[in-house]
C-alpha atoms as a PDB file:
ATOM      1  CA  MET A   1       1.321  12.326 -21.302  1.00  0.00           C
ATOM      2  CA  TYR A   2      -2.267  11.897 -19.862  1.00  0.00           C
ATOM      3  CA  SER A   3      -2.594   8.381 -21.568  1.00  0.00           C
ATOM      4  CA  LEU A   4       0.784   7.257 -20.286  1.00  0.00           C
ATOM      5  CA  GLY A   5       0.057   8.336 -16.736  1.00  0.00           C
ATOM      6  CA  ASN A   6      -3.126   6.437 -16.996  1.00  0.00           C
ATOM      7  CA  GLN A   7      -1.589   3.340 -18.336  1.00  0.00           C
ATOM      8  CA  GLU A   8       0.955   3.443 -15.634  1.00  0.00           C
ATOM      9  CA  ASN A   9      -1.705   3.823 -13.034  1.00  0.00           C
ATOM     10  CA  MET A  10      -3.624   0.970 -14.479  1.00  0.00           C
ATOM     11  CA  ARG A  11      -0.413  -1.309 -14.316  1.00  0.00           C
ATOM     12  CA  LYS A  12       0.082  -0.406 -10.535  1.00  0.00           C
ATOM     13  CA  ILE A  13      -3.525  -1.122  -9.874  1.00  0.00           C
ATOM     14  CA  THR A  14      -3.349  -4.407 -11.570  1.00  0.00           C
ATOM     15  CA  ALA A  15      -0.038  -5.374 -10.232  1.00  0.00           C
ATOM     16  CA  LYS A  16      -1.351  -4.596  -6.566  1.00  0.00           C
ATOM     17  CA  LYS A  17      -4.455  -6.598  -7.273  1.00  0.00           C
ATOM     18  CA  VAL A  18      -2.359  -9.590  -8.492  1.00  0.00           C
ATOM     19  CA  ILE A  19      -0.009  -9.384  -5.462  1.00  0.00           C
ATOM     20  CA  ILE A  20      -3.482  -9.303  -3.301  1.00  0.00           C
ATOM     21  CA  ASP A  21      -5.095 -12.239  -5.139  1.00  0.00           C
ATOM     22  CA  PHE A  22      -1.909 -14.454  -4.789  1.00  0.00           C
ATOM     23  CA  PHE A  23      -1.619 -13.353  -0.899  1.00  0.00           C
ATOM     24  CA  TRP A  24      -5.210 -14.587  -0.232  1.00  0.00           C
ATOM     25  CA  VAL A  25      -4.922 -17.546  -2.209  1.00  0.00           C
ATOM     26  CA  THR A  26      -2.049 -18.694  -0.409  1.00  0.00           C
ATOM     27  CA  VAL A  27      -3.594 -17.983   2.835  1.00  0.00           C
ATOM     28  CA  GLY A  28      -6.776 -19.909   1.776  1.00  0.00           C
ATOM     29  CA  THR A  29      -4.660 -22.871   0.483  1.00  0.00           C
ATOM     30  CA  ILE A  30      -2.637 -23.261   3.601  1.00  0.00           C
ATOM     31  CA  LEU A  31      -5.908 -23.311   5.869  1.00  0.00           C
ATOM     32  CA  VAL A  32      -7.156 -26.274   3.537  1.00  0.00           C
ATOM     33  CA  ALA A  33      -3.845 -28.114   4.052  1.00  0.00           C
ATOM     34  CA  LEU A  34      -4.007 -27.493   8.026  1.00  0.00           C
ATOM     35  CA  SER A  35      -7.710 -28.659   8.005  1.00  0.00           C
ATOM     36  CA  LEU A  36      -6.461 -32.009   6.743  1.00  0.00           C
ATOM     37  CA  ASP A  37      -2.942 -32.271   8.762  1.00  0.00           C
ATOM     38  CA  LEU A  38      -4.701 -31.064  12.005  1.00  0.00           C
ATOM     39  CA  PHE A  39      -8.118 -32.736  11.912  1.00  0.00           C
ATOM     40  CA  LEU A  40      -9.136 -34.807   9.220  1.00  0.00           C
ATOM     41  CA  ALA A  41      -6.378 -37.092   7.953  1.00  0.00           C
ATOM     42  CA  PRO A  42      -5.354 -38.041  11.677  1.00  0.00           C
ATOM     43  CA  ASN A  43      -8.890 -39.126  12.366  1.00  0.00           C
ATOM     44  CA  LYS A  44      -9.610 -41.083   9.089  1.00  0.00           C
ATOM     45  CA  ILE A  45     -12.042 -38.471   8.019  1.00  0.00           C
ATOM     46  CA  ALA A  46     -11.974 -38.332   4.052  1.00  0.00           C
ATOM     47  CA  PRO A  47     -14.339 -35.697   2.879  1.00  0.00           C
ATOM     48  CA  GLY A  48     -15.070 -35.981  -0.992  1.00  0.00           C
ATOM     49  CA  GLY A  49     -12.722 -34.709  -3.523  1.00  0.00           C
ATOM     50  CA  VAL A  50      -9.018 -35.543  -4.425  1.00  0.00           C
ATOM     51  CA  SER A  51      -7.907 -34.865  -0.706  1.00  0.00           C
ATOM     52  CA  GLY A  52     -10.472 -37.238   0.570  1.00  0.00           C
ATOM     53  CA  LEU A  53      -9.142 -39.818  -2.009  1.00  0.00           C
ATOM     54  CA  ALA A  54      -5.668 -39.178  -0.817  1.00  0.00           C
ATOM     55  CA  VAL A  55      -6.663 -39.902   2.853  1.00  0.00           C
ATOM     56  CA  VAL A  56      -7.637 -43.304   1.749  1.00  0.00           C
ATOM     57  CA  LEU A  57      -4.829 -44.002  -0.199  1.00  0.00           C
ATOM     58  CA  GLN A  58      -2.502 -43.104   2.601  1.00  0.00           C
ATOM     59  CA  HIS A  59      -4.187 -45.564   5.060  1.00  0.00           C
ATOM     60  CA  LEU A  60      -4.228 -48.471   2.584  1.00  0.00           C
ATOM     61  CA  PHE A  61      -0.614 -47.729   0.975  1.00  0.00           C
ATOM     62  CA  GLY A  62       1.191 -45.049   3.472  1.00  0.00           C
ATOM     63  CA  TRP A  63       1.430 -42.935   0.392  1.00  0.00           C
ATOM     64  CA  PRO A  64       1.853 -38.892   1.472  1.00  0.00           C
ATOM     65  CA  ILE A  65      -1.369 -37.159   1.316  1.00  0.00           C
ATOM     66  CA  GLY A  66       0.264 -34.170  -0.346  1.00  0.00           C
ATOM     67  CA  ALA A  67       2.147 -36.097  -3.129  1.00  0.00           C
ATOM     68  CA  VAL A  68      -1.010 -38.380  -4.014  1.00  0.00           C
ATOM     69  CA  THR A  69      -3.136 -34.839  -4.286  1.00  0.00           C
ATOM     70  CA  LEU A  70      -0.385 -33.500  -6.679  1.00  0.00           C
ATOM     71  CA  ALA A  71      -0.037 -36.799  -8.660  1.00  0.00           C
ATOM     72  CA  ILE A  72      -3.842 -36.794  -9.090  1.00  0.00           C
ATOM     73  CA  ASN A  73      -4.488 -32.889  -9.555  1.00  0.00           C
ATOM     74  CA  ILE A  74      -1.539 -31.923 -12.151  1.00  0.00           C
ATOM     75  CA  PRO A  75      -2.700 -34.512 -14.700  1.00  0.00           C
ATOM     76  CA  LEU A  76      -6.382 -33.549 -13.939  1.00  0.00           C
ATOM     77  CA  PHE A  77      -5.132 -29.732 -14.626  1.00  0.00           C
ATOM     78  CA  LEU A  78      -3.343 -30.488 -17.778  1.00  0.00           C
ATOM     79  CA  ILE A  79      -6.658 -32.513 -19.332  1.00  0.00           C
ATOM     80  CA  ALA A  80      -9.028 -30.159 -18.025  1.00  0.00           C
ATOM     81  CA  THR A  81      -6.695 -27.251 -19.673  1.00  0.00           C
ATOM     82  CA  LYS A  82      -6.659 -29.323 -23.094  1.00  0.00           C
ATOM     83  CA  VAL A  83     -10.356 -30.008 -23.014  1.00  0.00           C
ATOM     84  CA  LEU A  84     -11.754 -26.968 -21.629  1.00  0.00           C
ATOM     85  CA  GLY A  85      -9.277 -24.142 -22.540  1.00  0.00           C
ATOM     86  CA  THR A  86      -6.665 -22.206 -20.309  1.00  0.00           C
ATOM     87  CA  GLY A  87      -9.512 -20.387 -18.410  1.00  0.00           C
ATOM     88  CA  PHE A  88      -8.323 -22.128 -15.143  1.00  0.00           C
ATOM     89  CA  GLY A  89      -5.151 -19.917 -14.944  1.00  0.00           C
ATOM     90  CA  ALA A  90      -2.280 -19.509 -12.921  1.00  0.00           C
ATOM     91  CA  LYS A  91      -3.885 -19.006  -9.797  1.00  0.00           C
ATOM     92  CA  THR A  92      -5.468 -22.427  -9.974  1.00  0.00           C
ATOM     93  CA  LEU A  93      -1.967 -23.937 -11.009  1.00  0.00           C
ATOM     94  CA  TYR A  94      -0.395 -22.181  -8.329  1.00  0.00           C
ATOM     95  CA  SER A  95      -3.157 -23.345  -5.319  1.00  0.00           C
ATOM     96  CA  THR A  96      -3.122 -26.876  -6.664  1.00  0.00           C
ATOM     97  CA  ILE A  97       0.727 -27.246  -6.481  1.00  0.00           C
ATOM     98  CA  LEU A  98       0.886 -25.044  -3.116  1.00  0.00           C
ATOM     99  CA  LEU A  99      -1.748 -27.467  -1.813  1.00  0.00           C
ATOM    100  CA  GLY A 100       0.259 -30.730  -2.306  1.00  0.00           C
ATOM    101  CA  VAL A 101       3.509 -29.251  -1.018  1.00  0.00           C
ATOM    102  CA  SER A 102       2.050 -27.659   1.942  1.00  0.00           C
ATOM    103  CA  ILE A 103      -0.046 -30.774   3.093  1.00  0.00           C
ATOM    104  CA  ASP A 104       3.321 -32.691   3.379  1.00  0.00           C
ATOM    105  CA  ALA A 105       5.373 -30.019   4.573  1.00  0.00           C
ATOM    106  CA  LEU A 106       2.917 -29.328   7.547  1.00  0.00           C
ATOM    107  CA  ALA A 107       2.483 -33.107   8.095  1.00  0.00           C
ATOM    108  CA  PHE A 108       4.849 -32.883  11.404  1.00  0.00           C
ATOM    109  CA  LEU A 109       2.270 -30.729  13.271  1.00  0.00           C
ATOM    110  CA  LYS A 110       0.183 -32.955  15.984  1.00  0.00           C
ATOM    111  CA  PRO A 111      -3.420 -33.261  15.504  1.00  0.00           C
ATOM    112  CA  LEU A 112      -5.614 -30.953  17.756  1.00  0.00           C
ATOM    113  CA  THR A 113      -7.786 -33.565  18.932  1.00  0.00           C
ATOM    114  CA  HIS A 114      -8.599 -37.346  18.420  1.00  0.00           C
ATOM    115  CA  ASP A 115     -12.252 -36.745  18.943  1.00  0.00           C
ATOM    116  CA  THR A 116     -13.821 -37.663  15.765  1.00  0.00           C
ATOM    117  CA  MET A 117     -16.748 -35.109  16.194  1.00  0.00           C
ATOM    118  CA  LEU A 118     -14.610 -32.334  16.716  1.00  0.00           C
ATOM    119  CA  ALA A 119     -12.448 -33.120  14.000  1.00  0.00           C
ATOM    120  CA  ALA A 120     -15.387 -33.384  11.684  1.00  0.00           C
ATOM    121  CA  VAL A 121     -16.776 -29.810  12.650  1.00  0.00           C
ATOM    122  CA  TYR A 122     -13.548 -28.145  12.957  1.00  0.00           C
ATOM    123  CA  GLY A 123     -11.875 -29.569   9.880  1.00  0.00           C
ATOM    124  CA  GLY A 124     -14.974 -28.941   7.897  1.00  0.00           C
ATOM    125  CA  ILE A 125     -15.037 -25.331   9.203  1.00  0.00           C
ATOM    126  CA  ILE A 126     -11.350 -24.676   8.328  1.00  0.00           C
ATOM    127  CA  MET A 127     -11.388 -26.287   5.005  1.00  0.00           C
ATOM    128  CA  GLY A 128     -14.405 -24.284   4.157  1.00  0.00           C
ATOM    129  CA  VAL A 129     -12.966 -21.013   5.078  1.00  0.00           C
ATOM    130  CA  GLY A 130      -9.866 -21.892   3.120  1.00  0.00           C
ATOM    131  CA  LEU A 131     -11.653 -22.897   0.031  1.00  0.00           C
ATOM    132  CA  GLY A 132     -14.234 -20.037   0.295  1.00  0.00           C
ATOM    133  CA  ILE A 133     -11.041 -17.363   0.266  1.00  0.00           C
ATOM    134  CA  VAL A 134      -9.368 -19.299  -2.602  1.00  0.00           C
ATOM    135  CA  ILE A 135     -12.593 -19.361  -4.631  1.00  0.00           C
ATOM    136  CA  LYS A 136     -13.317 -15.640  -3.633  1.00  0.00           C
ATOM    137  CA  TYR A 137      -9.772 -14.696  -5.143  1.00  0.00           C
ATOM    138  CA  GLY A 138     -10.397 -16.372  -8.557  1.00  0.00           C
ATOM    139  CA  ALA A 139      -8.758 -19.794  -8.194  1.00  0.00           C
ATOM    140  CA  THR A 140      -9.448 -23.385  -7.121  1.00  0.00           C
ATOM    141  CA  THR A 141      -7.485 -25.947  -5.494  1.00  0.00           C
ATOM    142  CA  GLY A 142      -7.893 -28.115  -8.434  1.00  0.00           C
ATOM    143  CA  GLY A 143      -9.553 -31.389  -7.802  1.00  0.00           C
ATOM    144  CA  THR A 144     -12.673 -33.179  -8.633  1.00  0.00           C
ATOM    145  CA  ASP A 145     -14.348 -29.930  -9.787  1.00  0.00           C
ATOM    146  CA  MET A 146     -11.979 -29.934 -12.919  1.00  0.00           C
ATOM    147  CA  ALA A 147     -12.655 -33.639 -13.257  1.00  0.00           C
ATOM    148  CA  ALA A 148     -16.525 -32.928 -13.408  1.00  0.00           C
ATOM    149  CA  MET A 149     -16.256 -30.028 -15.723  1.00  0.00           C
ATOM    150  CA  THR A 150     -14.096 -32.347 -18.165  1.00  0.00           C
ATOM    151  CA  LEU A 151     -16.520 -35.259 -17.857  1.00  0.00           C
ATOM    152  CA  HIS A 152     -19.620 -32.834 -18.531  1.00  0.00           C
ATOM    153  CA  LYS A 153     -17.916 -31.987 -21.926  1.00  0.00           C
ATOM    154  CA  TYR A 154     -18.605 -35.668 -22.833  1.00  0.00           C
ATOM    155  CA  ILE A 155     -21.603 -36.428 -20.419  1.00  0.00           C
ATOM    156  CA  HIS A 156     -24.294 -33.665 -21.454  1.00  0.00           C
ATOM    157  CA  PHE A 157     -27.214 -35.061 -19.792  1.00  0.00           C
ATOM    158  CA  LEU A 158     -25.443 -34.722 -16.143  1.00  0.00           C
ATOM    159  CA  SER A 159     -24.945 -31.185 -14.895  1.00  0.00           C
ATOM    160  CA  VAL A 160     -21.324 -30.188 -13.395  1.00  0.00           C
ATOM    161  CA  GLY A 161     -22.890 -30.408  -9.995  1.00  0.00           C
ATOM    162  CA  ARG A 162     -24.584 -33.834 -10.482  1.00  0.00           C
ATOM    163  CA  ILE A 163     -21.196 -35.142 -11.936  1.00  0.00           C
ATOM    164  CA  LEU A 164     -19.485 -33.652  -8.710  1.00  0.00           C
ATOM    165  CA  LEU A 165     -21.926 -35.118  -6.290  1.00  0.00           C
ATOM    166  CA  ILE A 166     -21.391 -38.684  -8.080  1.00  0.00           C
ATOM    167  CA  ILE A 167     -17.650 -38.420  -7.856  1.00  0.00           C
ATOM    168  CA  ASP A 168     -17.625 -37.054  -4.069  1.00  0.00           C
ATOM    169  CA  PHE A 169     -20.421 -39.847  -3.135  1.00  0.00           C
ATOM    170  CA  ILE A 170     -18.037 -42.637  -4.645  1.00  0.00           C
ATOM    171  CA  ILE A 171     -15.007 -41.323  -2.807  1.00  0.00           C
ATOM    172  CA  ILE A 172     -16.687 -41.096   0.676  1.00  0.00           C
ATOM    173  CA  THR A 173     -18.362 -44.613  -0.155  1.00  0.00           C
ATOM    174  CA  MET A 174     -14.911 -45.842  -0.824  1.00  0.00           C
ATOM    175  CA  ALA A 175     -13.856 -44.420   2.660  1.00  0.00           C
ATOM    176  CA  GLY A 176     -16.727 -46.111   4.343  1.00  0.00           C
ATOM    177  CA  ILE A 177     -15.509 -49.414   3.048  1.00  0.00           C
ATOM    178  CA  VAL A 178     -11.986 -48.901   3.985  1.00  0.00           C
ATOM    179  CA  PHE A 179     -12.492 -47.256   7.315  1.00  0.00           C
ATOM    180  CA  SER A 180     -15.962 -47.709   8.685  1.00  0.00           C
ATOM    181  CA  PRO A 181     -19.522 -46.684   7.761  1.00  0.00           C
ATOM    182  CA  GLU A 182     -19.682 -44.326  10.914  1.00  0.00           C
ATOM    183  CA  LEU A 183     -16.419 -42.309   9.750  1.00  0.00           C
ATOM    184  CA  ALA A 184     -18.175 -41.996   6.283  1.00  0.00           C
ATOM    185  CA  LEU A 185     -20.919 -40.215   8.110  1.00  0.00           C
ATOM    186  CA  TYR A 186     -18.648 -38.232   9.804  1.00  0.00           C
ATOM    187  CA  ALA A 187     -16.903 -37.200   6.223  1.00  0.00           C
ATOM    188  CA  LEU A 188     -20.417 -36.636   5.136  1.00  0.00           C
ATOM    189  CA  ALA A 189     -21.020 -33.990   7.798  1.00  0.00           C
ATOM    190  CA  THR A 190     -17.495 -32.407   7.131  1.00  0.00           C
ATOM    191  CA  GLU A 191     -18.600 -32.005   3.427  1.00  0.00           C
ATOM    192  CA  PHE A 192     -21.889 -30.565   4.373  1.00  0.00           C
ATOM    193  CA  ILE A 193     -20.063 -28.028   6.920  1.00  0.00           C
ATOM    194  CA  THR A 194     -17.482 -27.034   4.193  1.00  0.00           C
ATOM    195  CA  ILE A 195     -19.894 -26.099   1.814  1.00  0.00           C
ATOM    196  CA  LYS A 196     -22.154 -23.996   4.096  1.00  0.00           C
ATOM    197  CA  VAL A 197     -18.688 -22.164   5.277  1.00  0.00           C
ATOM    198  CA  ILE A 198     -17.796 -21.595   1.331  1.00  0.00           C
ATOM    199  CA  ASP A 199     -21.412 -20.173   0.832  1.00  0.00           C
ATOM    200  CA  LEU A 200     -20.771 -17.896   3.839  1.00  0.00           C
ATOM    201  CA  ILE A 201     -17.532 -16.552   2.501  1.00  0.00           C
ATOM    202  CA  GLN A 202     -18.810 -15.952  -0.893  1.00  0.00           C
ATOM    203  CA  GLU A 203     -22.214 -14.422   0.006  1.00  0.00           C
ATOM    204  CA  GLY A 204     -21.500 -12.855   3.255  1.00  0.00           C
ATOM    205  CA  SER A 205     -22.708 -13.427   6.716  1.00  0.00           C
ATOM    206  CA  GLY A 206     -26.317 -11.775   6.190  1.00  0.00           C
ATOM    207  CA  ASP A 207     -25.965  -9.181   8.619  1.00  0.00           C
ATOM    208  CA  GLU A 208     -27.877  -6.609   6.725  1.00  0.00           C
ATOM    209  CA  ARG A 209     -31.567  -6.343   6.133  1.00  0.00           C
ATOM    210  CA  ILE A 210     -33.773  -5.112   3.339  1.00  0.00           C
ATOM    211  CA  ALA A 211     -36.685  -2.958   4.003  1.00  0.00           C
ATOM    212  CA  ILE A 212     -39.469  -2.333   1.847  1.00  0.00           C
ATOM    213  CA  ILE A 213     -41.981   0.074   3.120  1.00  0.00           C
ATOM    214  CA  ILE A 214     -45.152   1.178   1.661  1.00  0.00           C
ATOM    215  CA  SER A 215     -47.020   4.082   3.292  1.00  0.00           C
ATOM    216  CA  ASP A 216     -48.984   7.244   2.510  1.00  0.00           C
ATOM    217  CA  LYS A 217     -46.696   8.991   4.807  1.00  0.00           C
ATOM    218  CA  TYR A 218     -43.604   8.008   2.760  1.00  0.00           C
ATOM    219  CA  GLU A 219     -42.177  11.536   3.018  1.00  0.00           C
ATOM    220  CA  GLU A 220     -42.159  11.811   6.824  1.00  0.00           C
ATOM    221  CA  ILE A 221     -40.682   8.375   7.051  1.00  0.00           C
ATOM    222  CA  THR A 222     -37.976   9.150   4.406  1.00  0.00           C
ATOM    223  CA  LYS A 223     -37.094  12.202   6.101  1.00  0.00           C
ATOM    224  CA  SER A 224     -36.865  10.150   9.834  1.00  0.00           C
ATOM    225  CA  ILE A 225     -34.632   7.617   8.081  1.00  0.00           C
ATOM    226  CA  LEU A 226     -32.283  10.013   6.399  1.00  0.00           C
ATOM    227  CA  GLU A 227     -31.783  12.076   9.460  1.00  0.00           C
ATOM    228  CA  GLU A 228     -32.404   9.802  12.521  1.00  0.00           C
ATOM    229  CA  MET A 229     -30.790   6.506  11.073  1.00  0.00           C
ATOM    230  CA  GLU A 230     -28.291   8.382   8.646  1.00  0.00           C
ATOM    231  CA  ARG A 231     -29.401   5.673   6.209  1.00  0.00           C
ATOM    232  CA  GLY A 232     -30.143   6.126   2.439  1.00  0.00           C
ATOM    233  CA  VAL A 233     -33.436   5.522   1.095  1.00  0.00           C
ATOM    234  CA  THR A 234     -34.621   5.086  -2.425  1.00  0.00           C
ATOM    235  CA  GLU A 235     -38.152   5.803  -3.503  1.00  0.00           C
ATOM    236  CA  LEU A 236     -39.563   3.297  -5.940  1.00  0.00           C
ATOM    237  CA  LYS A 237     -42.797   4.040  -7.927  1.00  0.00           C
ATOM    238  CA  GLY A 238     -45.657   1.415  -7.697  1.00  0.00           C
ATOM    239  CA  ARG A 239     -49.155   0.992  -7.866  1.00  0.00           C
ATOM    240  CA  GLY A 240     -51.887  -1.165  -5.984  1.00  0.00           C
ATOM    241  CA  GLY A 241     -53.000  -4.241  -7.685  1.00  0.00           C
ATOM    242  CA  TYR A 242     -56.380  -3.805  -6.367  1.00  0.00           C
ATOM    243  CA  SER A 243     -56.732   0.092  -6.149  1.00  0.00           C
ATOM    244  CA  LYS A 244     -54.934   0.726  -9.230  1.00  0.00           C
ATOM    245  CA  GLN A 245     -53.523   3.835  -7.211  1.00  0.00           C
ATOM    246  CA  GLU A 246     -50.184   5.382  -7.669  1.00  0.00           C
ATOM    247  CA  LYS A 247     -47.529   4.173  -4.621  1.00  0.00           C
ATOM    248  CA  ASN A 248     -44.279   5.505  -3.536  1.00  0.00           C
ATOM    249  CA  VAL A 249     -42.394   2.548  -2.253  1.00  0.00           C
ATOM    250  CA  LEU A 250     -39.281   2.979  -0.005  1.00  0.00           C
ATOM    251  CA  LEU A 251     -36.286   0.651  -0.228  1.00  0.00           C
ATOM    252  CA  CYS A 252     -33.822   0.778   2.375  1.00  0.00           C
ATOM    253  CA  VAL A 253     -30.836  -1.168   3.791  1.00  0.00           C
ATOM    254  CA  VAL A 254     -30.005  -1.300   7.601  1.00  0.00           C
ATOM    255  CA  THR A 255     -27.760  -3.461   9.731  1.00  0.00           C
ATOM    256  CA  ARG A 256     -29.483  -6.184  12.029  1.00  0.00           C
ATOM    257  CA  ARG A 257     -29.194  -4.306  14.901  1.00  0.00           C
ATOM    258  CA  GLU A 258     -31.185  -1.166  13.419  1.00  0.00           C
ATOM    259  CA  VAL A 259     -34.112  -3.339  12.529  1.00  0.00           C
ATOM    260  CA  THR A 260     -35.903  -2.548  15.755  1.00  0.00           C
ATOM    261  CA  THR A 261     -35.013   1.211  15.360  1.00  0.00           C
ATOM    262  CA  LEU A 262     -36.372   1.252  11.766  1.00  0.00           C
ATOM    263  CA  ARG A 263     -39.356  -0.845  12.960  1.00  0.00           C
ATOM    264  CA  ASN A 264     -39.999   1.830  15.879  1.00  0.00           C
ATOM    265  CA  LEU A 265     -39.373   4.697  13.806  1.00  0.00           C
ATOM    266  CA  VAL A 266     -42.054   3.614  10.979  1.00  0.00           C
ATOM    267  CA  LYS A 267     -44.613   2.645  13.587  1.00  0.00           C
ATOM    268  CA  SER A 268     -44.458   5.964  15.337  1.00  0.00           C
ATOM    269  CA  ILE A 269     -45.290   7.754  11.914  1.00  0.00           C
ATOM    270  CA  ASP A 270     -47.673   5.247  10.132  1.00  0.00           C
ATOM    271  CA  PRO A 271     -48.684   2.305  12.371  1.00  0.00           C
ATOM    272  CA  SER A 272     -50.869   1.051   9.138  1.00  0.00           C
ATOM    273  CA  ALA A 273     -47.701   0.966   7.092  1.00  0.00           C
ATOM    274  CA  PHE A 274     -46.894  -2.116   5.323  1.00  0.00           C
ATOM    275  CA  VAL A 275     -43.051  -3.103   5.823  1.00  0.00           C
ATOM    276  CA  ILE A 276     -41.252  -6.227   4.364  1.00  0.00           C
ATOM    277  CA  LEU A 277     -38.028  -7.339   5.953  1.00  0.00           C
ATOM    278  CA  SER A 278     -35.776  -9.725   4.422  1.00  0.00           C
ATOM    279  CA  THR A 279     -31.879 -10.584   4.779  1.00  0.00           C
ATOM    280  CA  ALA A 280     -29.321  -9.439   2.322  1.00  0.00           C
ATOM    281  CA  HIS A 281     -26.348 -11.801   1.991  1.00  0.00           C
ATOM    282  CA  GLU A 282     -23.940  -8.755   1.084  1.00  0.00           C
ATOM    283  CA  VAL A 283     -24.423  -5.172   0.588  1.00  0.00           C
ATOM    284  CA  LEU A 284     -21.630  -3.292  -1.284  1.00  0.00           C
ATOM    285  CA  GLY A 285     -21.552   0.643  -1.550  1.00  0.00           C
ATOM    286  CA  GLU A 286     -21.578   3.676   0.708  1.00  0.00           C
ATOM    287  CA  GLY A 287     -22.397   3.122   4.304  1.00  0.00           C
ATOM    288  CA  PHE A 288     -21.671  -0.723   4.003  1.00  0.00           C
ATOM    289  CA  LYS A 289     -18.549  -2.874   2.477  1.00  0.00           C
ATOM    290  CA  ASN A 290     -16.527  -1.199  -0.173  1.00  0.00           C
ATOM    291  CA  MET A 291     -17.147  -2.687  -3.786  1.00  0.00           C
END
């Protein structure tokens, strides 16, 4: 009975996770579509990837961006699945199809700006947020990443990252020829912003700080951090490289706003303490974000 109950709970948890994953993949994919419809495509900014190629082809032949995206992505997905296996999963196929449909379905929306700089910046931000969410929940929107992984299977001397860079460079160069070199530069700026925002979504905002404290008065410092700041402290065993003496090293994570409090606390107890502060991209656990 216990085993059956456990299995039932696990099924419920798995079903809930699948629903949450698909919900956020949907949100992220629609944000990518909005970045193209509201900012990038109307201003002839063609960032790297299949969507950038679709923007160029729309300008040349009048083809709908979403339909072109689907026409390229679906064969890429099938080829990648055949060459690399089924690791891409249902979420990637869902996101790929949804992106193509959403771009054309939302094409009736009026662009929010015709200022190229604003379009490049905000288009890049919204696309980065969308792609970051999609990737965070275990999917991709298809495109050149699948092409790069497939080509890497046969071109071993180039990494996936370099192949992806070459493909995106070719597409942005094509946009520069079709539109103008200036618009190609805007597209590069959009690509840079998108990558940075994706990293921010994946790694966190870096609002937390890691403190490493070396002091002979480690017990007093530990007590003060625990009681006054209500933060956890971990004691690590160390040894001085020169003196060869055993040392207790304190490891503590605080928010950015608490750094000054921590610094003043340590200084009041031991002005000669050695303190290292560095940025933590993401902190998971009690007192911070849930795992």
